[in-house]
Amino acid sequence: MHNAHPLRIFWFSGLLTLLLAAVVGYYDGLVGLWIFAILVVLEVTLSFDNAVVNSKVLATMSRFWQTLFLTVGIFIAVFVVRFLLPIFIVQIAGGLGFMEVVNLALNDADAYGEVLYEAAPMIDAFGGAFLLMVALSYFLDRDKEVHWLKKIEPTLAKAGQFDNMRVALMLTLAAVLYFTVGDKYQEVVLVSAVLGILLHLALGLLASFFVKHEQHDEEARKKAGNIKVKTGMAAFASFMYLEVLDASFSFDGVIGAFAITSSILLIIAGLGVGAIWVRSMTVYLLRAGTLAKYRYLEHGAHWAILALGSVMMVKIYGVHLPEWLIGGLGLVFVVTAVISSIIEKRRMDSRAIAKKA
């Protein structure tokens, strides 16, 4: 289809990326540009599957609701989640007003740094627990059939047969944190870690509710032989399902960004651009019906999440790695996963050709 040409779909994402990259490079130099690029890749990678799910659901909705998702939905995804959420995190952790955080981030870098320094144990414990829950939920899955690191992932998947394994592990970690950090931070670290665990569980329950609604609606339409697109409340329910799903996918990106940098402006710019790219992928999938999905990309993304979550936990004990190194660590997992996916695809293609011969 003519309107499915990549240049017609991705031109805005590419242009916005170049413009913001130029601004970031001008004000923050090469280090800021490097972190910006990593944040964009992080957001796109973590939300890659989200684009696939979005396209499948959007295909069942009317043109009006598709347009609403790709316009109003972008506003919610970029402004509400990627813009407001980082500010709210600093606001709650630092005990400040919303405009105070914005003013400090824009006009007083030193004071903003002091606020983040004092709030760091809370943010790191909360964010680290949340990211580790994301990673464990992925790897401790007994139904997971595709494995990338063959000597590790199958064992983790088998461990997933025990109910509540990830919760038990994370609560144990929270208890270890309580007994090993300084007396000044014991309570705040324990409460923050538990809240991070609870938030992940709550998002999972909310997303499951909308997933079941979507599956039930799809099954009902198939039985009735109804292939008409959704309108009215049915479309609204699907719209809300997509927004909740997007928020769930984006939250780990926002938290992971704090493991890489404390600059709200860089976080907003990087994750915002990444969210636009994910929406462009959704449009491409919707119109073209195809997009090369790398077999191990999701695995690499979750190993990156595991690494970022571990970094945040280690920071509680005063171990601080350079931002470029932290971001590069996650990028290594993603790039390695992509390369492995390409190699595996070639092997599978070769086997398929050999069988036919």
Protein backbone atom coordinates (compact mmCIF):
# COMPACT_ATOMS: atom_id res chain seq x y z
CA MET A 1 0.00 0.00 0.00
CA HIS A 2 1.21 3.48 -0.91
CA ASN A 3 0.29 4.98 2.45
CA ALA A 4 2.27 2.22 4.19
CA HIS A 5 5.60 3.34 2.80
CA PRO A 6 8.05 3.69 5.73
CA LEU A 7 9.04 7.25 4.74
CA ARG A 8 5.41 8.40 4.92
CA ILE A 9 5.05 6.94 8.40
CA PHE A 10 8.42 7.45 10.09
CA TRP A 11 9.36 10.89 8.70
CA PHE A 12 7.94 12.79 11.68
CA SER A 13 9.64 10.50 14.22
CA GLY A 14 12.95 10.90 12.41
CA LEU A 15 12.63 14.68 12.11
CA LEU A 16 11.68 15.10 15.78
CA THR A 17 14.61 12.89 16.82
CA LEU A 18 17.08 15.00 14.84
CA LEU A 19 15.68 18.29 16.18
CA LEU A 20 15.75 17.22 19.83
CA ALA A 21 19.15 15.56 19.38
CA ALA A 22 20.50 18.89 18.10
CA VAL A 23 19.07 20.73 21.12
CA VAL A 24 20.40 18.14 23.58
CA GLY A 25 23.83 18.13 21.91
CA TYR A 26 23.97 21.94 22.03
CA TYR A 27 23.18 22.18 25.75
CA ASP A 28 24.61 18.92 27.16
CA GLY A 29 27.35 18.00 24.68
CA LEU A 30 28.29 14.52 23.54
CA VAL A 31 27.58 12.89 26.92
CA GLY A 32 24.03 14.27 26.94
CA LEU A 33 23.56 13.20 23.32
CA TRP A 34 24.76 9.68 24.16
CA ILE A 35 22.31 9.41 27.07
CA PHE A 36 19.49 10.82 24.92
CA ALA A 37 20.15 8.17 22.25
CA ILE A 38 20.22 5.39 24.87
CA LEU A 39 16.91 6.55 26.36
CA VAL A 40 15.27 6.55 22.91
CA VAL A 41 16.55 3.01 22.22
CA LEU A 42 15.49 1.89 25.72
CA GLU A 43 11.93 3.16 25.26
CA VAL A 44 11.55 1.72 21.76
CA THR A 45 12.98 -1.65 22.78
CA LEU A 46 10.86 -2.00 25.92
CA SER A 47 7.70 -0.98 24.05
CA PHE A 48 8.41 -2.92 20.83
CA ASP A 49 5.87 -5.65 21.59
CA ASN A 50 3.43 -2.94 22.61
CA ALA A 51 3.37 -1.74 18.98
CA VAL A 52 2.50 -5.26 17.82
CA VAL A 53 -0.36 -5.59 20.31
CA ASN A 54 -1.63 -2.09 19.51
CA SER A 55 -1.79 -2.79 15.78
CA LYS A 56 -3.82 -5.97 16.28
CA VAL A 57 -6.38 -4.22 18.48
CA LEU A 58 -6.53 -1.08 16.31
CA ALA A 59 -7.35 -3.22 13.28
CA THR A 60 -10.70 -4.08 14.92
CA MET A 61 -11.60 -0.43 15.60
CA SER A 62 -13.26 2.15 13.37
CA ARG A 63 -11.21 4.79 11.56
CA PHE A 64 -12.40 7.42 14.07
CA TRP A 65 -11.11 5.48 17.08
CA GLN A 66 -7.87 4.65 15.29
CA THR A 67 -7.31 8.35 14.68
CA LEU A 68 -8.22 9.13 18.30
CA PHE A 69 -5.66 6.64 19.58
CA LEU A 70 -2.94 7.99 17.30
CA THR A 71 -3.63 11.62 18.30
CA VAL A 72 -5.12 11.82 21.80
CA GLY A 73 -3.30 8.59 22.62
CA ILE A 74 0.03 10.17 21.76
CA PHE A 75 -0.75 13.13 24.02
CA ILE A 76 -1.48 10.76 26.92
CA ALA A 77 1.54 8.56 26.22
CA VAL A 78 4.05 11.39 25.83
CA PHE A 79 2.74 14.19 28.03
CA VAL A 80 0.90 12.40 30.84
CA VAL A 81 3.20 9.41 31.24
CA ARG A 82 6.64 10.41 29.95
CA PHE A 83 6.43 14.10 30.97
CA LEU A 84 4.44 14.16 34.20
CA LEU A 85 5.48 10.83 35.71
CA PRO A 86 9.21 11.65 36.13
CA ILE A 87 8.25 14.94 37.77
CA PHE A 88 5.77 13.22 40.10
CA ILE A 89 8.43 10.72 41.15
CA VAL A 90 10.85 13.50 42.15
CA GLN A 91 7.98 15.47 43.71
CA ILE A 92 6.91 12.61 45.97
CA ALA A 93 10.45 11.54 46.81
CA GLY A 94 11.61 15.09 47.58
CA GLY A 95 8.42 16.27 49.28
CA LEU A 96 8.15 19.26 46.91
CA GLY A 97 5.39 20.91 44.91
CA PHE A 98 4.98 20.19 41.21
CA MET A 99 6.13 23.63 40.05
CA GLU A 100 9.01 23.56 42.53
CA VAL A 101 10.40 20.47 40.83
CA VAL A 102 9.93 21.97 37.36
CA ASN A 103 11.56 25.26 38.44
CA LEU A 104 14.54 23.51 40.04
CA ALA A 105 15.05 21.22 37.04
CA LEU A 106 15.02 24.19 34.65
CA ASN A 107 16.70 26.95 36.65
CA ASP A 108 18.68 25.60 39.60
CA ALA A 109 20.62 22.47 38.75
CA ASP A 110 22.57 22.49 42.05
CA ALA A 111 19.47 22.65 44.26
CA TYR A 112 17.77 20.05 42.08
CA GLY A 113 20.79 17.79 42.47
CA GLU A 114 20.62 18.15 46.27
CA VAL A 115 16.93 17.18 46.28
CA LEU A 116 17.67 14.11 44.20
CA TYR A 117 20.62 13.21 46.42
CA GLU A 118 18.43 13.24 49.53
CA ALA A 119 15.64 11.35 47.76
CA ALA A 120 17.96 8.87 46.03
CA PRO A 121 17.50 5.94 48.48
CA MET A 122 13.71 6.18 48.10
CA ILE A 123 13.83 6.42 44.30
CA ASP A 124 16.44 3.66 43.96
CA ALA A 125 14.65 1.23 46.29
CA PHE A 126 11.28 1.85 44.65
CA GLY A 127 12.59 1.84 41.08
CA GLY A 128 14.97 -1.05 41.61
CA ALA A 129 12.23 -3.24 43.11
CA PHE A 130 9.85 -2.39 40.28
CA LEU A 131 12.38 -3.13 37.53
CA LEU A 132 13.48 -6.38 39.14
CA MET A 133 9.83 -7.43 39.35
CA VAL A 134 9.45 -6.71 35.63
CA ALA A 135 12.50 -8.82 34.79
CA LEU A 136 11.61 -11.70 37.13
CA SER A 137 8.03 -11.80 35.83
CA TYR A 138 9.41 -12.30 32.34
CA PHE A 139 12.09 -14.89 33.11
CA LEU A 140 10.21 -16.83 35.82
CA ASP A 141 7.52 -17.87 33.37
CA ARG A 142 6.95 -21.60 33.07
CA ASP A 143 5.09 -21.10 29.77
CA LYS A 144 8.05 -19.30 28.18
CA GLU A 145 9.27 -21.47 25.30
CA VAL A 146 11.81 -19.31 23.46
CA HIS A 147 15.09 -18.87 25.30
CA TRP A 148 18.07 -16.73 24.37
CA LEU A 149 20.74 -17.54 26.99
CA LYS A 150 20.30 -21.30 26.90
CA LYS A 151 22.28 -22.03 30.07
CA ILE A 152 20.29 -19.61 32.23
CA GLU A 153 16.80 -18.87 30.92
CA PRO A 154 15.42 -22.46 30.82
CA THR A 155 16.36 -22.89 34.50
CA LEU A 156 14.66 -19.61 35.41
CA ALA A 157 11.56 -20.63 33.46
CA LYS A 158 11.36 -23.93 35.39
CA ALA A 159 11.59 -22.01 38.67
CA GLY A 160 8.46 -20.18 37.57
CA GLN A 161 6.40 -23.32 38.25
CA PHE A 162 6.44 -22.35 41.92
CA ASP A 163 3.66 -19.85 42.60
CA ASN A 164 4.65 -16.42 43.88
CA MET A 165 8.35 -17.17 43.46
CA ARG A 166 9.15 -13.66 42.22
CA VAL A 167 7.19 -12.02 45.07
CA ALA A 168 8.96 -14.18 47.65
CA LEU A 169 12.37 -13.32 46.17
CA MET A 170 11.61 -9.59 46.09
CA LEU A 171 10.23 -9.49 49.64
CA THR A 172 13.36 -11.31 50.80
CA LEU A 173 15.46 -8.70 49.02
CA ALA A 174 13.44 -5.93 50.70
CA ALA A 175 14.15 -7.51 54.09
CA VAL A 176 17.87 -7.78 53.26
CA LEU A 177 17.92 -4.10 52.32
CA TYR A 178 16.27 -3.17 55.62
CA PHE A 179 18.90 -4.99 57.70
CA THR A 180 21.94 -3.89 55.68
CA VAL A 181 21.44 -0.19 54.90
CA GLY A 182 22.18 2.61 57.34
CA ASP A 183 19.74 3.21 60.20
CA LYS A 184 18.71 6.55 58.67
CA TYR A 185 17.30 4.90 55.54
CA GLN A 186 16.00 1.56 56.87
CA GLU A 187 12.30 2.38 56.94
CA VAL A 188 12.17 4.48 53.78
CA VAL A 189 14.04 1.83 51.79
CA LEU A 190 11.82 -0.99 53.04
CA VAL A 191 8.57 0.88 52.37
CA SER A 192 9.76 2.08 48.95
CA ALA A 193 10.80 -1.42 47.86
CA VAL A 194 7.46 -2.89 48.96
CA LEU A 195 5.59 -0.12 47.12
CA GLY A 196 7.59 -0.89 43.98
CA ILE A 197 6.56 -4.55 44.24
CA LEU A 198 2.91 -3.64 44.86
CA LEU A 199 2.82 -1.21 41.95
CA HIS A 200 4.00 -3.89 39.53
CA LEU A 201 1.39 -6.33 40.83
CA ALA A 202 -1.34 -3.68 40.58
CA LEU A 203 -0.43 -2.77 36.99
CA GLY A 204 -0.45 -6.44 36.10
CA LEU A 205 -3.94 -6.91 37.55
CA LEU A 206 -5.27 -3.84 35.76
CA ALA A 207 -3.77 -4.87 32.44
CA SER A 208 -5.14 -8.41 32.89
CA PHE A 209 -8.65 -7.01 33.35
CA PHE A 210 -8.52 -5.21 30.02
CA VAL A 211 -6.83 -8.16 28.29
CA LYS A 212 -9.65 -10.49 29.38
CA HIS A 213 -12.24 -7.96 28.23
CA GLU A 214 -10.51 -7.71 24.83
CA GLN A 215 -10.25 -11.49 24.47
CA HIS A 216 -13.88 -12.01 25.47
CA ASP A 217 -15.04 -9.38 22.98
CA GLU A 218 -12.95 -10.94 20.20
CA GLU A 219 -14.29 -14.44 20.90
CA ALA A 220 -17.87 -13.14 20.94
CA ARG A 221 -17.42 -11.45 17.57
CA LYS A 222 -15.89 -14.60 16.05
CA LYS A 223 -18.77 -16.80 17.26
CA ALA A 224 -21.29 -14.35 15.89
CA GLY A 225 -19.43 -14.16 12.60
CA ASN A 226 -19.25 -10.40 13.05
CA ILE A 227 -16.24 -8.89 11.33
CA LYS A 228 -17.44 -5.30 11.57
CA VAL A 229 -15.17 -2.82 13.24
CA LYS A 230 -15.85 -1.70 16.78
CA THR A 231 -17.66 1.53 17.55
CA GLY A 232 -19.20 3.16 20.61
CA MET A 233 -18.54 1.61 24.03
CA ALA A 234 -16.83 -1.45 22.54
CA ALA A 235 -14.28 0.79 20.84
CA PHE A 236 -13.95 2.92 24.00
CA ALA A 237 -13.17 -0.18 26.06
CA SER A 238 -10.47 -1.19 23.57
CA PHE A 239 -9.13 2.36 23.61
CA MET A 240 -8.82 2.28 27.42
CA TYR A 241 -7.23 -1.17 27.21
CA LEU A 242 -4.54 0.20 24.89
CA GLU A 243 -3.89 3.20 27.13
CA VAL A 244 -3.50 1.04 30.25
CA LEU A 245 -1.26 -1.35 28.37
CA ASP A 246 0.84 1.57 27.11
CA ALA A 247 1.17 2.95 30.65
CA SER A 248 2.29 -0.46 31.88
CA PHE A 249 4.91 -0.76 29.14
CA SER A 250 6.12 2.82 29.63
CA PHE A 251 6.46 2.75 33.41
CA ASP A 252 9.46 0.43 33.34
CA GLY A 253 11.05 2.78 30.78
CA VAL A 254 10.52 5.81 33.05
CA ILE A 255 11.90 4.02 36.11
CA GLY A 256 14.79 2.59 34.10
CA ALA A 257 15.63 6.09 32.88
CA PHE A 258 16.29 7.18 36.48
CA ALA A 259 18.91 4.44 36.69
CA ILE A 260 20.69 6.06 33.74
CA THR A 261 20.32 9.79 34.47
CA SER A 262 18.73 12.13 37.00
CA SER A 263 18.03 14.83 34.42
CA ILE A 264 14.27 15.19 34.02
CA LEU A 265 14.73 17.07 30.75
CA LEU A 266 16.81 14.28 29.23
CA ILE A 267 14.32 11.67 30.46
CA ILE A 268 11.37 13.54 28.98
CA ALA A 269 13.16 14.15 25.66
CA GLY A 270 14.48 10.61 25.24
CA LEU A 271 11.38 8.72 26.34
CA GLY A 272 9.06 11.15 24.54
CA VAL A 273 10.85 10.60 21.23
CA GLY A 274 10.89 6.86 21.88
CA ALA A 275 7.12 6.90 22.44
CA ILE A 276 6.61 8.68 19.10
CA TRP A 277 8.67 5.97 17.36
CA VAL A 278 6.52 3.27 18.99
CA ARG A 279 3.36 5.00 17.70
CA SER A 280 4.91 5.16 14.21
CA MET A 281 5.61 1.43 14.41
CA THR A 282 1.97 0.88 15.37
CA VAL A 283 0.80 2.80 12.30
CA TYR A 284 3.20 0.87 10.07
CA LEU A 285 1.97 -2.46 11.42
CA LEU A 286 -1.63 -1.36 11.01
CA ARG A 287 -1.22 -0.26 7.40
CA ALA A 288 1.39 -2.69 6.11
CA GLY A 289 0.54 -5.62 8.34
CA THR A 290 4.16 -6.61 8.75
CA LEU A 291 7.26 -5.69 10.71
CA ALA A 292 10.37 -7.78 11.24
CA LYS A 293 10.28 -8.95 14.83
CA TYR A 294 13.63 -10.00 16.22
CA ARG A 295 13.39 -13.29 18.05
CA TYR A 296 15.53 -12.35 21.05
CA LEU A 297 14.91 -8.61 21.25
CA GLU A 298 12.47 -8.93 24.14
CA HIS A 299 14.97 -11.13 25.99
CA GLY A 300 17.72 -8.56 25.60
CA ALA A 301 15.41 -5.79 26.79
CA HIS A 302 14.55 -7.68 29.96
CA TRP A 303 18.18 -8.51 30.69
CA ALA A 304 18.78 -4.77 30.36
CA ILE A 305 15.94 -4.13 32.82
CA LEU A 306 17.47 -6.65 35.22
CA ALA A 307 20.81 -4.87 34.94
CA LEU A 308 19.26 -1.42 35.50
CA GLY A 309 17.26 -2.67 38.49
CA SER A 310 20.42 -4.17 40.01
CA VAL A 311 22.29 -0.89 39.44
CA MET A 312 19.59 1.02 41.32
CA MET A 313 19.79 -1.41 44.23
CA VAL A 314 23.57 -1.11 44.38
CA LYS A 315 23.31 2.69 44.39
CA ILE A 316 21.54 2.48 47.75
CA TYR A 317 24.89 1.41 49.21
CA GLY A 318 26.72 4.38 47.71
CA VAL A 319 28.12 2.63 44.61
CA HIS A 320 27.61 5.04 41.71
CA LEU A 321 28.64 4.17 38.16
CA PRO A 322 29.00 6.79 35.39
CA GLU A 323 25.75 7.49 33.51
CA TRP A 324 27.27 6.65 30.13
CA LEU A 325 28.43 3.28 31.48
CA ILE A 326 25.02 2.41 32.95
CA GLY A 327 23.25 3.28 29.71
CA GLY A 328 25.85 1.44 27.67
CA LEU A 329 25.36 -1.67 29.79
CA GLY A 330 21.71 -1.90 28.82
CA LEU A 331 22.52 -1.10 25.21
CA VAL A 332 24.99 -4.00 25.06
CA PHE A 333 22.23 -6.47 25.94
CA VAL A 334 19.88 -5.02 23.32
CA VAL A 335 22.45 -4.91 20.52
CA THR A 336 23.69 -8.42 21.33
CA ALA A 337 20.10 -9.69 21.28
CA VAL A 338 19.50 -8.12 17.85
CA ILE A 339 22.68 -9.68 16.44
CA SER A 340 21.74 -13.06 17.91
CA SER A 341 18.27 -12.74 16.39
CA ILE A 342 19.67 -12.07 12.92
CA ILE A 343 22.03 -15.06 13.17
CA GLU A 344 19.22 -17.31 14.40
CA LYS A 345 16.89 -16.20 11.61
CA ARG A 346 19.52 -17.06 9.01
CA ARG A 347 19.95 -20.49 10.58
CA MET A 348 16.20 -21.12 10.54
CA ASP A 349 15.95 -19.98 6.92
CA SER A 350 18.84 -22.26 5.95
CA ARG A 351 17.18 -25.22 7.65
CA ALA A 352 13.88 -24.49 5.92
CA ILE A 353 15.61 -24.38 2.51
CA ALA A 354 17.49 -27.61 3.29
CA LYS A 355 14.25 -29.41 4.19
CA LYS A 356 12.58 -28.34 0.96
CA ALA A 357 15.59 -29.53 -1.02
